[in-house]
Protein backbone atom coordinates (compact mmCIF):
# COMPACT_ATOMS: atom_id res chain seq x y z
CA MET A 1 35.48 123.17 -33.67
CA SER A 2 36.93 125.47 -36.35
CA ASN A 3 34.89 127.52 -38.84
CA VAL A 4 35.77 125.28 -41.79
CA LYS A 5 34.68 122.04 -39.82
CA LYS A 6 31.46 123.92 -38.74
CA ARG A 7 30.59 124.70 -42.26
CA LEU A 8 31.34 121.23 -43.38
CA PHE A 9 29.22 119.74 -40.84
CA LYS A 10 26.15 122.21 -41.70
CA GLU A 11 26.93 120.98 -45.20
CA LYS A 12 26.66 117.44 -44.50
CA LEU A 13 23.49 117.93 -42.29
CA ALA A 14 21.65 119.88 -45.02
CA LYS A 15 22.63 117.19 -47.51
CA ALA A 16 21.39 114.29 -45.12
CA ALA A 17 18.01 116.31 -44.43
CA MET A 18 17.46 116.90 -48.40
CA GLN A 19 18.31 113.16 -49.11
CA LEU A 20 16.01 112.13 -46.17
CA SER A 21 13.15 114.47 -47.61
CA GLY A 22 13.58 113.08 -51.07
CA MET A 23 13.46 109.42 -49.97
CA LEU A 24 10.41 110.34 -47.86
CA ILE A 25 8.50 111.95 -50.89
CA THR A 26 9.48 109.11 -53.25
CA GLY A 27 8.38 106.46 -50.72
CA CYS A 28 4.77 108.34 -50.28
CA LEU A 29 4.65 108.30 -54.09
CA PHE A 30 5.30 104.52 -54.48
CA PHE A 31 2.93 103.80 -51.55
CA ILE A 32 0.22 105.60 -53.23
CA VAL A 33 0.58 104.34 -56.55
CA GLY A 34 1.28 100.60 -55.10
CA THR A 35 -1.99 100.81 -53.22
CA ILE A 36 -3.97 101.93 -56.38
CA LEU A 37 -2.28 99.24 -58.35
CA TYR A 38 -2.82 96.41 -55.44
CA LYS A 39 -6.44 97.15 -54.82
CA GLY A 40 -7.43 98.45 -58.35
CA LEU A 41 -5.75 96.24 -60.80
CA PRO A 42 -7.72 93.02 -60.22
CA TYR A 43 -10.84 95.03 -60.80
CA LEU A 44 -9.77 96.71 -64.12
CA SER A 45 -10.98 95.45 -67.29
CA TRP A 46 -11.69 96.64 -70.83
CA GLU A 47 -15.60 96.36 -70.18
CA MET A 48 -14.95 98.71 -67.34
CA ILE A 49 -13.19 101.45 -69.18
CA SER A 50 -15.29 101.08 -72.69
CA GLN A 51 -18.80 100.73 -71.11
CA THR A 52 -21.30 103.34 -69.31
CA PRO A 53 -22.87 102.34 -65.98
CA GLN A 54 -25.74 99.88 -66.40
CA GLY A 55 -28.56 99.59 -63.88
CA GLY A 56 -27.14 98.78 -60.35
CA PHE A 57 -23.46 99.56 -61.45
CA TYR A 58 -23.03 101.37 -57.95
CA ILE A 59 -24.16 98.31 -56.13
CA GLY A 60 -21.86 95.80 -57.92
CA LYS A 61 -23.74 95.10 -61.19
CA ASP A 62 -22.36 95.39 -64.85
CA GLY A 63 -21.19 98.71 -66.25
CA GLY A 64 -18.30 100.87 -66.51
CA ILE A 65 -16.61 104.24 -66.24
CA PHE A 66 -16.56 105.48 -69.87
CA ASN A 67 -18.95 108.36 -69.25
CA ALA A 68 -16.76 109.64 -66.51
CA ILE A 69 -13.48 109.18 -68.40
CA LEU A 70 -15.13 111.20 -71.44
CA GLY A 71 -16.42 113.76 -69.12
CA SER A 72 -13.28 114.43 -67.31
CA LEU A 73 -11.33 114.74 -70.54
CA TYR A 74 -13.99 117.24 -71.98
CA LEU A 75 -14.09 119.20 -68.84
CA ALA A 76 -10.22 119.38 -68.26
CA THR A 77 -9.31 120.01 -71.86
CA VAL A 78 -11.65 122.89 -72.35
CA SER A 79 -11.02 124.49 -69.03
CA THR A 80 -7.31 124.27 -69.40
CA ALA A 81 -7.43 125.72 -72.94
CA LEU A 82 -9.65 128.67 -71.82
CA ALA A 83 -7.41 129.17 -68.76
CA THR A 84 -4.32 129.30 -70.81
CA LEU A 85 -5.80 131.65 -73.53
CA ILE A 86 -6.91 134.01 -70.64
CA GLY A 87 -4.04 133.63 -68.26
CA ILE A 88 -1.14 134.15 -70.94
CA PRO A 89 -2.50 137.74 -71.91
CA ILE A 90 -2.95 138.62 -68.28
CA SER A 91 0.73 137.55 -67.26
CA ILE A 92 2.19 139.32 -70.39
CA TYR A 93 0.16 142.67 -69.65
CA VAL A 94 1.29 142.65 -65.86
CA HIS A 95 4.99 141.84 -66.77
CA MET A 96 5.28 144.03 -69.85
CA TYR A 97 2.89 146.92 -69.71
CA VAL A 98 2.50 147.55 -65.79
CA LYS A 99 5.45 149.54 -64.33
CA SER A 100 7.68 147.23 -62.30
CA GLY A 101 7.36 147.73 -58.51
CA SER A 102 4.29 149.91 -58.94
CA PHE A 103 1.23 149.37 -56.64
CA LEU A 104 -0.88 147.80 -59.62
CA GLU A 105 1.65 145.32 -60.23
CA ARG A 106 1.94 144.31 -56.59
CA ALA A 107 -1.99 144.28 -56.21
CA CYS A 108 -2.40 142.03 -59.16
CA LYS A 109 0.15 139.60 -57.86
CA LEU A 110 -1.28 139.57 -54.46
CA LEU A 111 -4.57 138.94 -56.09
CA PHE A 112 -3.57 135.92 -57.98
CA ASP A 113 -1.72 134.56 -55.02
CA VAL A 114 -4.94 134.74 -53.06
CA LEU A 115 -7.00 133.27 -55.86
CA PHE A 116 -4.46 130.47 -56.17
CA GLY A 117 -4.93 129.46 -52.55
CA ILE A 118 -8.84 129.69 -52.35
CA PRO A 119 -10.22 125.89 -51.83
CA SER A 120 -11.97 124.68 -55.06
CA ILE A 121 -15.02 124.29 -53.02
CA VAL A 122 -15.44 128.15 -52.70
CA TYR A 123 -15.19 128.49 -56.45
CA GLY A 124 -17.72 125.80 -56.84
CA ALA A 125 -20.07 127.49 -54.32
CA ILE A 126 -19.78 130.98 -56.05
CA ALA A 127 -20.23 129.45 -59.62
CA PHE A 128 -23.49 127.62 -58.15
CA SER A 129 -24.87 130.88 -56.84
CA ILE A 130 -24.16 132.48 -60.23
CA MET A 131 -25.73 129.52 -62.18
CA VAL A 132 -28.84 129.82 -59.87
CA TRP A 133 -29.08 133.42 -60.53
CA ILE A 134 -28.85 133.41 -64.37
CA GLY A 135 -30.85 130.12 -64.42
CA ILE A 136 -28.17 127.58 -65.72
CA ARG A 137 -28.70 123.96 -64.19
CA ALA A 138 -25.67 121.70 -63.20
CA SER A 139 -24.09 120.83 -66.35
CA LEU A 140 -20.91 120.43 -68.32
CA LEU A 141 -20.82 124.15 -68.93
CA GLY A 142 -21.06 125.04 -65.19
CA GLY A 143 -18.23 122.83 -64.40
CA ILE A 144 -16.16 124.36 -67.44
CA ILE A 145 -16.83 127.91 -66.15
CA THR A 146 -16.01 126.72 -62.47
CA ILE A 147 -12.75 124.82 -63.39
CA THR A 148 -11.68 127.67 -65.83
CA LEU A 149 -11.82 130.08 -62.78
CA LEU A 150 -9.94 127.62 -60.79
CA THR A 151 -7.18 127.21 -63.25
CA ILE A 152 -6.42 130.77 -64.35
CA PRO A 153 -4.46 131.61 -61.20
CA ILE A 154 -2.28 128.56 -61.80
CA VAL A 155 -1.48 129.67 -65.30
CA VAL A 156 -0.95 133.33 -64.65
CA ARG A 157 1.32 132.83 -61.52
CA THR A 158 3.32 130.20 -63.37
CA ILE A 159 3.89 132.25 -66.47
CA ASP A 160 4.78 135.07 -64.39
CA GLU A 161 7.53 133.04 -62.66
CA LEU A 162 8.80 132.05 -65.81
CA LEU A 163 9.00 135.65 -67.37
CA LYS A 164 11.14 136.52 -64.20
CA THR A 165 13.80 133.99 -65.45
CA ILE A 166 14.33 136.09 -68.61
CA PRO A 167 17.48 138.08 -68.26
CA ILE A 168 16.79 141.68 -67.85
CA ASP A 169 19.52 142.65 -70.36
CA LEU A 170 17.31 140.88 -73.18
CA LYS A 171 14.46 143.12 -72.53
CA HIS A 172 16.62 146.29 -72.87
CA VAL A 173 18.30 144.93 -76.05
CA THR A 174 15.11 144.54 -77.83
CA PHE A 175 13.68 147.87 -76.78
CA SER A 176 16.98 149.46 -77.99
CA LEU A 177 16.32 147.95 -81.40
CA GLY A 178 13.09 149.42 -81.82
CA SER A 179 10.83 146.62 -80.94
CA THR A 180 7.47 147.35 -79.48
CA ARG A 181 6.13 145.80 -76.20
CA TRP A 182 4.03 143.48 -78.14
CA GLU A 183 6.90 142.25 -80.41
CA THR A 184 9.07 141.94 -77.10
CA ALA A 185 6.34 140.01 -75.53
CA LYS A 186 6.05 137.57 -78.41
CA MET A 187 9.81 136.82 -78.38
CA PHE A 188 9.43 136.25 -74.60
CA LEU A 189 6.84 133.70 -75.19
CA ARG A 190 9.07 131.91 -77.58
CA TYR A 191 11.74 131.98 -75.07
CA ILE A 192 9.64 130.44 -72.30
CA LYS A 193 7.62 128.08 -74.50
CA PRO A 194 8.88 124.80 -72.71
CA GLY A 195 7.79 126.27 -69.48
CA ILE A 196 4.36 127.15 -70.75
CA PHE A 197 3.87 123.39 -71.41
CA THR A 198 4.46 122.90 -67.74
CA ALA A 199 1.93 125.66 -66.76
CA VAL A 200 -0.63 123.76 -69.03
CA LEU A 201 0.22 120.52 -67.27
CA LEU A 202 -0.33 121.95 -63.86
CA ALA A 203 -3.71 123.50 -64.87
CA PHE A 204 -4.72 120.00 -66.53
CA GLY A 205 -3.83 118.11 -63.39
CA ARG A 206 -5.73 120.39 -61.14
CA ALA A 207 -8.77 120.49 -63.48
CA ILE A 208 -9.04 116.76 -63.92
CA GLY A 209 -8.57 115.81 -60.56
CA ASP A 210 -10.80 118.20 -58.88
CA VAL A 211 -13.99 117.03 -57.24
CA ALA A 212 -15.21 119.90 -54.95
CA GLY A 213 -15.61 122.35 -57.44
CA VAL A 214 -17.54 119.99 -59.77
CA LEU A 215 -19.75 118.59 -57.09
CA LEU A 216 -22.08 121.64 -57.32
CA THR A 217 -21.78 122.69 -60.70
CA THR A 218 -21.24 119.61 -63.22
CA GLY A 219 -23.76 117.28 -61.54
CA PHE A 220 -23.59 113.55 -62.35
CA SER A 221 -25.00 111.26 -65.27
CA ASP A 222 -24.58 107.79 -66.34
CA ASN A 223 -24.97 108.98 -69.94
CA LEU A 224 -22.20 110.07 -72.31
CA PRO A 225 -21.94 113.99 -72.54
CA LYS A 226 -23.38 114.89 -75.58
CA TYR A 227 -24.23 118.50 -75.12
CA ILE A 228 -22.58 121.27 -73.18
CA ASP A 229 -25.81 122.08 -71.08
CA GLU A 230 -26.36 118.54 -69.68
CA PRO A 231 -24.97 117.01 -66.50
CA ALA A 232 -21.85 114.91 -66.97
CA ALA A 233 -19.95 112.59 -64.84
CA THR A 234 -16.34 113.01 -63.94
CA LEU A 235 -13.66 110.42 -62.72
CA PRO A 236 -13.09 111.98 -59.27
CA LEU A 237 -16.95 112.06 -58.38
CA ALA A 238 -17.21 108.37 -59.57
CA ILE A 239 -14.39 107.49 -57.34
CA PHE A 240 -16.07 109.43 -54.49
CA PHE A 241 -19.41 107.69 -55.10
CA GLN A 242 -17.84 104.20 -55.60
CA LEU A 243 -15.65 104.51 -52.54
CA SER A 244 -19.06 105.49 -50.53
CA SER A 245 -20.44 102.10 -51.20
CA PRO A 246 -20.36 99.44 -48.53
CA ILE A 247 -19.84 96.70 -51.22
CA PRO A 248 -16.24 95.53 -51.46
CA GLU A 249 -16.53 95.01 -55.25
CA VAL A 250 -17.64 98.47 -55.72
CA GLN A 251 -14.90 99.90 -53.56
CA GLY A 252 -12.31 97.95 -55.78
CA ARG A 253 -13.85 99.51 -58.91
CA ALA A 254 -13.27 103.05 -57.33
CA TYR A 255 -9.48 102.11 -56.84
CA ALA A 256 -9.59 100.87 -60.48
CA SER A 257 -11.04 104.32 -61.58
CA ALA A 258 -8.19 106.04 -59.73
CA LEU A 259 -5.87 103.87 -61.47
CA VAL A 260 -7.37 105.09 -64.95
CA LEU A 261 -7.27 108.55 -63.60
CA THR A 262 -3.37 108.30 -62.85
CA PHE A 263 -2.72 106.84 -66.19
CA ILE A 264 -4.15 109.69 -67.99
CA ILE A 265 -2.47 112.18 -65.78
CA LEU A 266 0.81 110.10 -66.45
CA THR A 267 0.37 110.26 -70.01
CA ILE A 268 -0.17 113.80 -70.14
CA VAL A 269 2.74 114.21 -68.02
CA ILE A 270 4.97 112.32 -70.53
CA CYS A 271 3.72 113.89 -73.61
CA THR A 272 4.46 117.36 -71.99
CA HIS A 273 7.83 116.60 -71.07
CA LEU A 274 8.49 115.04 -74.56
CA LEU A 275 7.21 118.20 -76.14
CA ALA A 276 8.88 120.55 -73.72
CA SER A 277 12.41 118.58 -74.49
CA LYS A 278 11.83 118.89 -78.30
CA GLN A 279 11.11 122.77 -77.82
CA GLN A 280 14.05 123.21 -75.77
CA LYS A 281 16.53 121.61 -78.22
CA HIS A 282 15.16 123.88 -80.95
CA LYS A 283 14.91 127.09 -78.91
CA ILE A 284 16.67 129.99 -80.55
C-alpha cells in the first residue's frame, strides 16, 4: 500500500470514528431527554409548577415545586453573577499583568485547573465547616457562597482560553499606540464578549444543576425563599428527595421536575446563543 493510500485510509478511519462518536453522543442526548419526557410529561401540570409543597407532597399528595424553582433561580443567578464579577478580573490580571511564562502564571493556571476538577461535595464540606465556625446556619446565603466558589474556576479558565485566541499582534499594536494595560484589557473584553456569554452559561448550568454542594449548605424548605439567611429548596434536591420515595407517583413527579430543570437550562442556552450571535454581528 502506497503512502498516499495509507494517508487516505487513516483519514477515512478518523472520519468514521468522529462520525460514530457524534452519533453516540447525540443518541445519548436523545435517550436522556426522551426518558425525561416519557416519564415526566404525564405528571407535569400547571399546579405542580405554580404551587408550593403541601402537607404530604412527598408521599403523593397535593402541592408543587415552585419553591424549588425559585430557590434554584435565586441561587444560580446570584452565584453566577458573583463568579463572573470575580473571575473576569482574575483572568485579566493573569493574562495582562503577570509575565507570560513566569512561575506565577503557571502556578495560577495550575491552581485553577485543580479547583476546576475538585468535586462539588468537597466545596460543600469546606463551606459547611466555615459556616459552623462563624455561626451561619444552612441557608440560601451558604449555598450562594458555596456555588460561587465552585463556579469561579469555570469562569476563570474559560475566559483565559478565550484570551489566548486574541492575536498577539493586536496586543503589540495597542501597546505601540500608547494604550495602558487596563485600556488594552477593556478592548480585549470587547473582542471576546460573545465568548463571555458562553462562560456565563457554563457557570450557570453548573450552578443550577449541582446537588452535592448545596446538600450541606443550603438546607431544604417547603416555603418560598424570602430572606437570604433562610433555608431554600433547589430543583436538584427536590428531584433527589422525590426519586428516593417508593411511591410511583412521587417518582413521576421527580422526572417532571427534571423536565422543568432541563427546560430552564435550554431556555438559558437559547438566550445566550442569541445574545452571542447578536454581539458577533456587531463586533468591531
